[in-house]
Amino acid sequence: MGNHDLEHKHCLCEALIELKNLQDILTNSSTKHFGALLSKIAGTDTIPFLLIKKDGPLSHRIMDTNEITGKHECFESTFFRLESIDKDTCCARISILRPMNIKGELTNSFCDVMKLAKTSKCIEIDISCICAIQVLDTELLKRKIVVEPKW
């Protein structure tokens, strides 16, 4: 690995460490008088992101249970949540977020994603295969899927 590659890996590792620190502030901040007000204001404990490789976004296929139907579903996602990062090796443990469209159905189309839902499925990644990180709006985790009937 060349000097530029090591520098790039270090920069991405630092960015993920900062992302994890911000995410931890959302979940772990509590004050004497206001308790966990920040997480209530933010409405989420997750900062979603994409990881970009040389050939496009990192994606991962998993089997998970749909909370609404109770059925097992296989889907592919490019959306992740940072669970932990090893500062020494720059390896990260990320969980897969479930992409849903306006009807609350799984979608593979980036443009159709209206909501992201957490899953318990995690993978380990080496940051050296990543070129960039794209942080997404936390609103994607807070949106309510409301389908109104057409009369």
C-alpha atoms as a PDB file:
ATOM      1  CA  MET A   1       0.000   0.000   0.000  1.00  0.00           C
ATOM      2  CA  GLY A   2       1.510   3.337  -1.064  1.00  0.00           C
ATOM      3  CA  ASN A   3       1.856   6.423   1.125  1.00  0.00           C
ATOM      4  CA  HIS A   4      -1.147   8.076  -0.581  1.00  0.00           C
ATOM      5  CA  ASP A   5      -3.281   4.975   0.037  1.00  0.00           C
ATOM      6  CA  LEU A   6      -2.346   4.927   3.738  1.00  0.00           C
ATOM      7  CA  GLU A   7      -3.138   8.632   4.030  1.00  0.00           C
ATOM      8  CA  HIS A   8      -6.517   8.106   2.325  1.00  0.00           C
ATOM      9  CA  LYS A   9      -7.354   5.135   4.573  1.00  0.00           C
ATOM     10  CA  HIS A  10      -6.411   7.186   7.652  1.00  0.00           C
ATOM     11  CA  CYS A  11      -8.633  10.085   6.505  1.00  0.00           C
ATOM     12  CA  LEU A  12     -11.626   7.776   5.956  1.00  0.00           C
ATOM     13  CA  CYS A  13     -10.994   6.085   9.292  1.00  0.00           C
ATOM     14  CA  GLU A  14     -10.977   9.489  11.027  1.00  0.00           C
ATOM     15  CA  ALA A  15     -14.225  10.424   9.259  1.00  0.00           C
ATOM     16  CA  LEU A  16     -15.897   7.210  10.452  1.00  0.00           C
ATOM     17  CA  ILE A  17     -14.617   7.767  14.002  1.00  0.00           C
ATOM     18  CA  GLU A  18     -16.129  11.265  13.914  1.00  0.00           C
ATOM     19  CA  LEU A  19     -19.403   9.847  12.567  1.00  0.00           C
ATOM     20  CA  LYS A  20     -19.468   7.276  15.382  1.00  0.00           C
ATOM     21  CA  ASN A  21     -18.807  10.001  17.976  1.00  0.00           C
ATOM     22  CA  LEU A  22     -21.714  12.080  16.630  1.00  0.00           C
ATOM     23  CA  GLN A  23     -23.989   9.042  16.599  1.00  0.00           C
ATOM     24  CA  ASP A  24     -22.979   8.250  20.194  1.00  0.00           C
ATOM     25  CA  ILE A  25     -23.841  11.804  21.233  1.00  0.00           C
ATOM     26  CA  LEU A  26     -27.360  11.211  19.904  1.00  0.00           C
ATOM     27  CA  THR A  27     -27.789   8.024  21.904  1.00  0.00           C
ATOM     28  CA  ASN A  28     -25.735   8.588  25.040  1.00  0.00           C
ATOM     29  CA  SER A  29     -26.097  12.275  25.829  1.00  0.00           C
ATOM     30  CA  SER A  30     -28.013  12.959  28.983  1.00  0.00           C
ATOM     31  CA  THR A  31     -28.095  15.965  31.269  1.00  0.00           C
ATOM     32  CA  LYS A  32     -29.051  16.392  34.897  1.00  0.00           C
ATOM     33  CA  HIS A  33     -32.113  18.519  34.157  1.00  0.00           C
ATOM     34  CA  PHE A  34     -33.176  17.469  30.670  1.00  0.00           C
ATOM     35  CA  GLY A  35     -32.239  13.785  30.457  1.00  0.00           C
ATOM     36  CA  ALA A  36     -32.003  12.405  26.928  1.00  0.00           C
ATOM     37  CA  LEU A  37     -33.504  15.495  25.329  1.00  0.00           C
ATOM     38  CA  LEU A  38     -31.088  15.499  22.379  1.00  0.00           C
ATOM     39  CA  SER A  39     -32.110  12.042  21.157  1.00  0.00           C
ATOM     40  CA  LYS A  40     -35.772  12.990  21.540  1.00  0.00           C
ATOM     41  CA  ILE A  41     -35.222  16.167  19.508  1.00  0.00           C
ATOM     42  CA  ALA A  42     -33.223  14.306  16.861  1.00  0.00           C
ATOM     43  CA  GLY A  43     -35.773  11.470  16.849  1.00  0.00           C
ATOM     44  CA  THR A  44     -33.184   8.863  15.919  1.00  0.00           C
ATOM     45  CA  ASP A  45     -30.038   7.135  17.129  1.00  0.00           C
ATOM     46  CA  THR A  46     -28.664   6.530  13.646  1.00  0.00           C
ATOM     47  CA  ILE A  47     -26.771   8.588  11.080  1.00  0.00           C
ATOM     48  CA  PRO A  48     -27.238   6.682   7.803  1.00  0.00           C
ATOM     49  CA  PHE A  49     -24.534   6.622   5.148  1.00  0.00           C
ATOM     50  CA  LEU A  50     -23.326   5.093   1.897  1.00  0.00           C
ATOM     51  CA  LEU A  51     -19.845   3.688   1.352  1.00  0.00           C
ATOM     52  CA  ILE A  52     -18.433   4.245  -2.127  1.00  0.00           C
ATOM     53  CA  LYS A  53     -15.935   1.852  -3.723  1.00  0.00           C
ATOM     54  CA  LYS A  54     -14.090   2.355  -7.022  1.00  0.00           C
ATOM     55  CA  ASP A  55     -16.859   0.520  -8.880  1.00  0.00           C
ATOM     56  CA  GLY A  56     -19.805   2.204  -7.106  1.00  0.00           C
ATOM     57  CA  PRO A  57     -21.650   2.003  -3.788  1.00  0.00           C
ATOM     58  CA  LEU A  58     -20.940  -0.900  -1.448  1.00  0.00           C
ATOM     59  CA  SER A  59     -24.004  -3.134  -1.313  1.00  0.00           C
ATOM     60  CA  HIS A  60     -24.851  -6.162   0.753  1.00  0.00           C
ATOM     61  CA  ARG A  61     -27.584  -8.785   0.359  1.00  0.00           C
ATOM     62  CA  ILE A  62     -29.227 -10.175   3.493  1.00  0.00           C
ATOM     63  CA  MET A  63     -32.173 -12.259   4.660  1.00  0.00           C
ATOM     64  CA  ASP A  64     -34.233 -10.529   7.337  1.00  0.00           C
ATOM     65  CA  THR A  65     -37.701 -10.751   8.865  1.00  0.00           C
ATOM     66  CA  ASN A  66     -40.191  -8.083   7.838  1.00  0.00           C
ATOM     67  CA  GLU A  67     -41.524  -6.577  11.077  1.00  0.00           C
ATOM     68  CA  ILE A  68     -44.934  -5.882   9.539  1.00  0.00           C
ATOM     69  CA  THR A  69     -45.641  -9.179   7.742  1.00  0.00           C
ATOM     70  CA  GLY A  70     -43.403 -11.491   9.784  1.00  0.00           C
ATOM     71  CA  LYS A  71     -42.124 -13.025   6.531  1.00  0.00           C
ATOM     72  CA  HIS A  72     -38.461 -13.607   5.713  1.00  0.00           C
ATOM     73  CA  GLU A  73     -37.283 -11.335   2.910  1.00  0.00           C
ATOM     74  CA  CYS A  74     -34.067 -11.278   0.958  1.00  0.00           C
ATOM     75  CA  PHE A  75     -32.947  -7.819  -0.065  1.00  0.00           C
ATOM     76  CA  GLU A  76     -29.915  -5.823  -1.087  1.00  0.00           C
ATOM     77  CA  SER A  77     -29.017  -2.531   0.536  1.00  0.00           C
ATOM     78  CA  THR A  78     -26.433   0.194   0.050  1.00  0.00           C
ATOM     79  CA  PHE A  79     -27.467   1.945   3.287  1.00  0.00           C
ATOM     80  CA  PHE A  80     -25.615   1.405   6.543  1.00  0.00           C
ATOM     81  CA  ARG A  81     -25.299   2.386  10.209  1.00  0.00           C
ATOM     82  CA  LEU A  82     -21.920   2.424  11.955  1.00  0.00           C
ATOM     83  CA  GLU A  83     -21.906   0.101  14.968  1.00  0.00           C
ATOM     84  CA  SER A  84     -18.206   0.216  15.855  1.00  0.00           C
ATOM     85  CA  ILE A  85     -14.789   1.011  14.432  1.00  0.00           C
ATOM     86  CA  ASP A  86     -11.378  -0.336  15.381  1.00  0.00           C
ATOM     87  CA  LYS A  87      -9.024   2.665  15.404  1.00  0.00           C
ATOM     88  CA  ASP A  88      -5.923   0.477  15.053  1.00  0.00           C
ATOM     89  CA  THR A  89      -6.988  -1.624  12.063  1.00  0.00           C
ATOM     90  CA  CYS A  90      -9.550   0.771  10.563  1.00  0.00           C
ATOM     91  CA  CYS A  91     -12.033  -2.056  10.259  1.00  0.00           C
ATOM     92  CA  ALA A  92     -15.655  -1.143  10.843  1.00  0.00           C
ATOM     93  CA  ARG A  93     -18.688  -3.110  11.954  1.00  0.00           C
ATOM     94  CA  ILE A  94     -21.731  -1.773  10.129  1.00  0.00           C
ATOM     95  CA  SER A  95     -25.379  -2.771  10.221  1.00  0.00           C
ATOM     96  CA  ILE A  96     -27.544  -2.917   7.132  1.00  0.00           C
ATOM     97  CA  LEU A  97     -30.497  -0.545   6.842  1.00  0.00           C
ATOM     98  CA  ARG A  98     -33.667  -1.706   5.069  1.00  0.00           C
ATOM     99  CA  PRO A  99     -34.614   0.642   2.147  1.00  0.00           C
ATOM    100  CA  MET A 100     -38.369   1.181   1.731  1.00  0.00           C
ATOM    101  CA  ASN A 101     -40.456   3.065  -0.802  1.00  0.00           C
ATOM    102  CA  ILE A 102     -43.474   5.298  -0.151  1.00  0.00           C
ATOM    103  CA  LYS A 103     -45.697   2.210   0.297  1.00  0.00           C
ATOM    104  CA  GLY A 104     -43.397   0.704   2.928  1.00  0.00           C
ATOM    105  CA  GLU A 105     -42.177  -1.976   0.509  1.00  0.00           C
ATOM    106  CA  LEU A 106     -38.563  -2.932  -0.107  1.00  0.00           C
ATOM    107  CA  THR A 107     -36.924  -1.044  -2.946  1.00  0.00           C
ATOM    108  CA  ASN A 108     -33.633  -1.336  -4.799  1.00  0.00           C
ATOM    109  CA  SER A 109     -34.095   2.013  -6.514  1.00  0.00           C
ATOM    110  CA  PHE A 110     -32.126   4.757  -4.773  1.00  0.00           C
ATOM    111  CA  CYS A 111     -34.573   7.396  -6.041  1.00  0.00           C
ATOM    112  CA  ASP A 112     -37.566   5.551  -4.534  1.00  0.00           C
ATOM    113  CA  VAL A 113     -36.178   5.318  -0.984  1.00  0.00           C
ATOM    114  CA  MET A 114     -38.517   7.154   1.390  1.00  0.00           C
ATOM    115  CA  LYS A 115     -37.523   5.481   4.647  1.00  0.00           C
ATOM    116  CA  LEU A 116     -34.701   3.429   6.117  1.00  0.00           C
ATOM    117  CA  ALA A 117     -35.281   0.911   8.904  1.00  0.00           C
ATOM    118  CA  LYS A 118     -32.665  -0.633  11.158  1.00  0.00           C
ATOM    119  CA  THR A 119     -31.931  -4.354  11.003  1.00  0.00           C
ATOM    120  CA  SER A 120     -29.878  -6.500  13.359  1.00  0.00           C
ATOM    121  CA  LYS A 121     -27.698  -7.777  10.496  1.00  0.00           C
ATOM    122  CA  CYS A 122     -24.068  -6.618  10.625  1.00  0.00           C
ATOM    123  CA  ILE A 123     -20.963  -7.025   8.486  1.00  0.00           C
ATOM    124  CA  GLU A 124     -17.289  -6.203   9.020  1.00  0.00           C
ATOM    125  CA  ILE A 125     -15.498  -4.103   6.406  1.00  0.00           C
ATOM    126  CA  ASP A 126     -11.917  -3.029   5.826  1.00  0.00           C
ATOM    127  CA  ILE A 127     -11.807   0.705   5.135  1.00  0.00           C
ATOM    128  CA  SER A 128      -8.972   0.229   2.612  1.00  0.00           C
ATOM    129  CA  CYS A 129     -11.505  -0.907  -0.037  1.00  0.00           C
ATOM    130  CA  ILE A 130     -13.583   2.274   0.425  1.00  0.00           C
ATOM    131  CA  CYS A 131     -13.042   5.466  -1.609  1.00  0.00           C
ATOM    132  CA  ALA A 132     -15.625   7.769  -0.009  1.00  0.00           C
ATOM    133  CA  ILE A 133     -18.356   8.098   2.599  1.00  0.00           C
ATOM    134  CA  GLN A 134     -21.667   9.834   1.863  1.00  0.00           C
ATOM    135  CA  VAL A 135     -23.637  10.762   4.973  1.00  0.00           C
ATOM    136  CA  LEU A 136     -27.414  10.888   4.460  1.00  0.00           C
ATOM    137  CA  ASP A 137     -30.219  12.832   6.098  1.00  0.00           C
ATOM    138  CA  THR A 138     -31.442  11.347   9.392  1.00  0.00           C
ATOM    139  CA  GLU A 139     -34.993  12.167   8.254  1.00  0.00           C
ATOM    140  CA  LEU A 140     -34.834   8.911   6.267  1.00  0.00           C
ATOM    141  CA  LEU A 141     -35.141   7.033   9.568  1.00  0.00           C
ATOM    142  CA  LYS A 142     -37.946   9.136  11.036  1.00  0.00           C
ATOM    143  CA  ARG A 143     -40.414   9.311   8.180  1.00  0.00           C
ATOM    144  CA  LYS A 144     -43.770   7.676   8.656  1.00  0.00           C
ATOM    145  CA  ILE A 145     -45.095   5.670   5.740  1.00  0.00           C
ATOM    146  CA  VAL A 146     -48.662   6.790   5.295  1.00  0.00           C
ATOM    147  CA  VAL A 147     -50.636   5.472   2.366  1.00  0.00           C
ATOM    148  CA  GLU A 148     -53.951   7.236   2.052  1.00  0.00           C
ATOM    149  CA  PRO A 149     -56.786   5.444   0.279  1.00  0.00           C
ATOM    150  CA  LYS A 150     -57.925   6.856  -3.053  1.00  0.00           C
ATOM    151  CA  TRP A 151     -61.632   7.577  -3.070  1.00  0.00           C
END
